[in-house]
Amino acid sequence: MTLQADDVLDARGLACPLPLLKAKQALAGMQAGALLEVRATDAGSWRDFESFIAQSLHQMPAREVRGDVYYYWIRKVGEHAR
């Protein structure tokens, strides 16, 4: 996967729900259209990020697992996109 992230959030070692909460904080400080890469080791993050994307305007163009690390790429969508 070769997506060029604008910012990387290293949430490895954090337990649920911290990876998602930290990602939400990071997204809040980013411009619309920016891409956030999140790295997490909590297996529950797979379900958490899937639910978050389904309930938000943001997009997840990719996610994958490499060993014991879960990678998520989240594109921030602006509020005006409703």
C-alpha atoms as a PDB file:
ATOM      1  CA  MET A   1       0.000   0.000   0.000  1.00  0.00           C
ATOM      2  CA  THR A   2       1.504   3.321  -1.016  1.00  0.00           C
ATOM      3  CA  LEU A   3      -0.702   6.107   0.236  1.00  0.00           C
ATOM      4  CA  GLN A   4       1.124   9.323   1.116  1.00  0.00           C
ATOM      5  CA  ALA A   5      -0.089  10.353   4.572  1.00  0.00           C
ATOM      6  CA  ASP A   6      -0.043  13.993   5.664  1.00  0.00           C
ATOM      7  CA  ASP A   7       0.357  12.883   9.292  1.00  0.00           C
ATOM      8  CA  VAL A   8       1.081   9.622  11.134  1.00  0.00           C
ATOM      9  CA  LEU A   9      -0.426   8.669  14.477  1.00  0.00           C
ATOM     10  CA  ASP A  10       1.464   5.952  16.331  1.00  0.00           C
ATOM     11  CA  ALA A  11      -1.129   4.379  18.650  1.00  0.00           C
ATOM     12  CA  ARG A  12       0.756   1.109  19.096  1.00  0.00           C
ATOM     13  CA  GLY A  13       0.495  -0.222  22.631  1.00  0.00           C
ATOM     14  CA  LEU A  14      -2.667   1.747  23.415  1.00  0.00           C
ATOM     15  CA  ALA A  15      -5.765  -0.195  24.456  1.00  0.00           C
ATOM     16  CA  CYS A  16      -9.278   0.362  23.138  1.00  0.00           C
ATOM     17  CA  PRO A  17     -10.719   3.003  22.799  1.00  0.00           C
ATOM     18  CA  LEU A  18      -7.553   5.134  22.861  1.00  0.00           C
ATOM     19  CA  PRO A  19      -6.422   4.538  19.248  1.00  0.00           C
ATOM     20  CA  LEU A  20      -9.759   5.811  17.950  1.00  0.00           C
ATOM     21  CA  LEU A  21      -9.907   8.730  20.394  1.00  0.00           C
ATOM     22  CA  LYS A  22      -6.375   9.817  19.462  1.00  0.00           C
ATOM     23  CA  ALA A  23      -7.279   9.525  15.764  1.00  0.00           C
ATOM     24  CA  LYS A  24     -10.345  11.731  16.253  1.00  0.00           C
ATOM     25  CA  GLN A  25      -8.164  14.348  17.987  1.00  0.00           C
ATOM     26  CA  ALA A  26      -5.619  14.221  15.170  1.00  0.00           C
ATOM     27  CA  LEU A  27      -8.314  14.554  12.500  1.00  0.00           C
ATOM     28  CA  ALA A  28      -9.797  17.576  14.284  1.00  0.00           C
ATOM     29  CA  GLY A  29      -6.529  19.443  13.759  1.00  0.00           C
ATOM     30  CA  MET A  30      -6.160  18.558  10.082  1.00  0.00           C
ATOM     31  CA  GLN A  31      -7.367  20.307   6.944  1.00  0.00           C
ATOM     32  CA  ALA A  32     -10.143  18.809   4.822  1.00  0.00           C
ATOM     33  CA  GLY A  33      -8.688  16.405   2.289  1.00  0.00           C
ATOM     34  CA  ALA A  34      -5.683  15.522   4.456  1.00  0.00           C
ATOM     35  CA  LEU A  35      -4.779  11.864   4.969  1.00  0.00           C
ATOM     36  CA  LEU A  36      -4.020  10.438   8.423  1.00  0.00           C
ATOM     37  CA  GLU A  37      -2.174   7.154   8.836  1.00  0.00           C
ATOM     38  CA  VAL A  38      -2.905   5.371  12.120  1.00  0.00           C
ATOM     39  CA  ARG A  39      -0.825   2.488  13.465  1.00  0.00           C
ATOM     40  CA  ALA A  40      -2.357   0.415  16.252  1.00  0.00           C
ATOM     41  CA  THR A  41      -1.781  -2.939  17.927  1.00  0.00           C
ATOM     42  CA  ASP A  42      -5.197  -3.305  19.582  1.00  0.00           C
ATOM     43  CA  ALA A  43      -7.218  -5.923  17.651  1.00  0.00           C
ATOM     44  CA  GLY A  44     -10.460  -4.161  18.615  1.00  0.00           C
ATOM     45  CA  SER A  45      -9.356  -1.133  16.626  1.00  0.00           C
ATOM     46  CA  TRP A  46     -10.325  -2.957  13.401  1.00  0.00           C
ATOM     47  CA  ARG A  47     -13.994  -2.905  14.416  1.00  0.00           C
ATOM     48  CA  ASP A  48     -13.757   0.529  16.068  1.00  0.00           C
ATOM     49  CA  PHE A  49     -12.400   2.266  12.969  1.00  0.00           C
ATOM     50  CA  GLU A  50     -14.887   0.486  10.710  1.00  0.00           C
ATOM     51  CA  SER A  51     -17.792   1.724  12.875  1.00  0.00           C
ATOM     52  CA  PHE A  52     -16.346   5.227  13.112  1.00  0.00           C
ATOM     53  CA  ILE A  53     -16.045   5.567   9.332  1.00  0.00           C
ATOM     54  CA  ALA A  54     -19.583   4.219   8.817  1.00  0.00           C
ATOM     55  CA  GLN A  55     -20.935   6.919  11.167  1.00  0.00           C
ATOM     56  CA  SER A  56     -18.795   9.844  10.000  1.00  0.00           C
ATOM     57  CA  LEU A  57     -18.166  11.797   6.819  1.00  0.00           C
ATOM     58  CA  HIS A  58     -14.517  10.724   6.753  1.00  0.00           C
ATOM     59  CA  GLN A  59     -13.264   8.109   4.309  1.00  0.00           C
ATOM     60  CA  MET A  60     -10.968   5.135   4.822  1.00  0.00           C
ATOM     61  CA  PRO A  61      -9.338   4.453   1.437  1.00  0.00           C
ATOM     62  CA  ALA A  62      -7.333   1.556   2.881  1.00  0.00           C
ATOM     63  CA  ARG A  63      -6.558  -0.523   5.935  1.00  0.00           C
ATOM     64  CA  GLU A  64      -4.334  -3.513   6.405  1.00  0.00           C
ATOM     65  CA  VAL A  65      -2.602  -5.746   8.929  1.00  0.00           C
ATOM     66  CA  ARG A  66       1.152  -6.290   8.908  1.00  0.00           C
ATOM     67  CA  GLY A  67       2.190  -8.753  11.579  1.00  0.00           C
ATOM     68  CA  ASP A  68       0.617  -7.507  14.797  1.00  0.00           C
ATOM     69  CA  VAL A  69       0.177  -3.909  13.614  1.00  0.00           C
ATOM     70  CA  TYR A  70      -3.053  -2.563  12.149  1.00  0.00           C
ATOM     71  CA  TYR A  71      -2.737   0.297   9.662  1.00  0.00           C
ATOM     72  CA  TYR A  72      -5.573   2.664   8.793  1.00  0.00           C
ATOM     73  CA  TRP A  73      -5.578   5.523   6.307  1.00  0.00           C
ATOM     74  CA  ILE A  74      -8.317   8.052   6.996  1.00  0.00           C
ATOM     75  CA  ARG A  75      -9.078  11.008   4.757  1.00  0.00           C
ATOM     76  CA  LYS A  76     -10.647  13.967   6.509  1.00  0.00           C
ATOM     77  CA  VAL A  77     -13.790  15.243   4.846  1.00  0.00           C
ATOM     78  CA  GLY A  78     -14.860  18.811   5.613  1.00  0.00           C
ATOM     79  CA  GLU A  79     -18.082  19.664   7.404  1.00  0.00           C
ATOM     80  CA  HIS A  80     -19.476  21.338   4.275  1.00  0.00           C
ATOM     81  CA  ALA A  81     -19.606  17.958   2.515  1.00  0.00           C
ATOM     82  CA  ARG A  82     -22.862  16.981   4.188  1.00  0.00           C
END
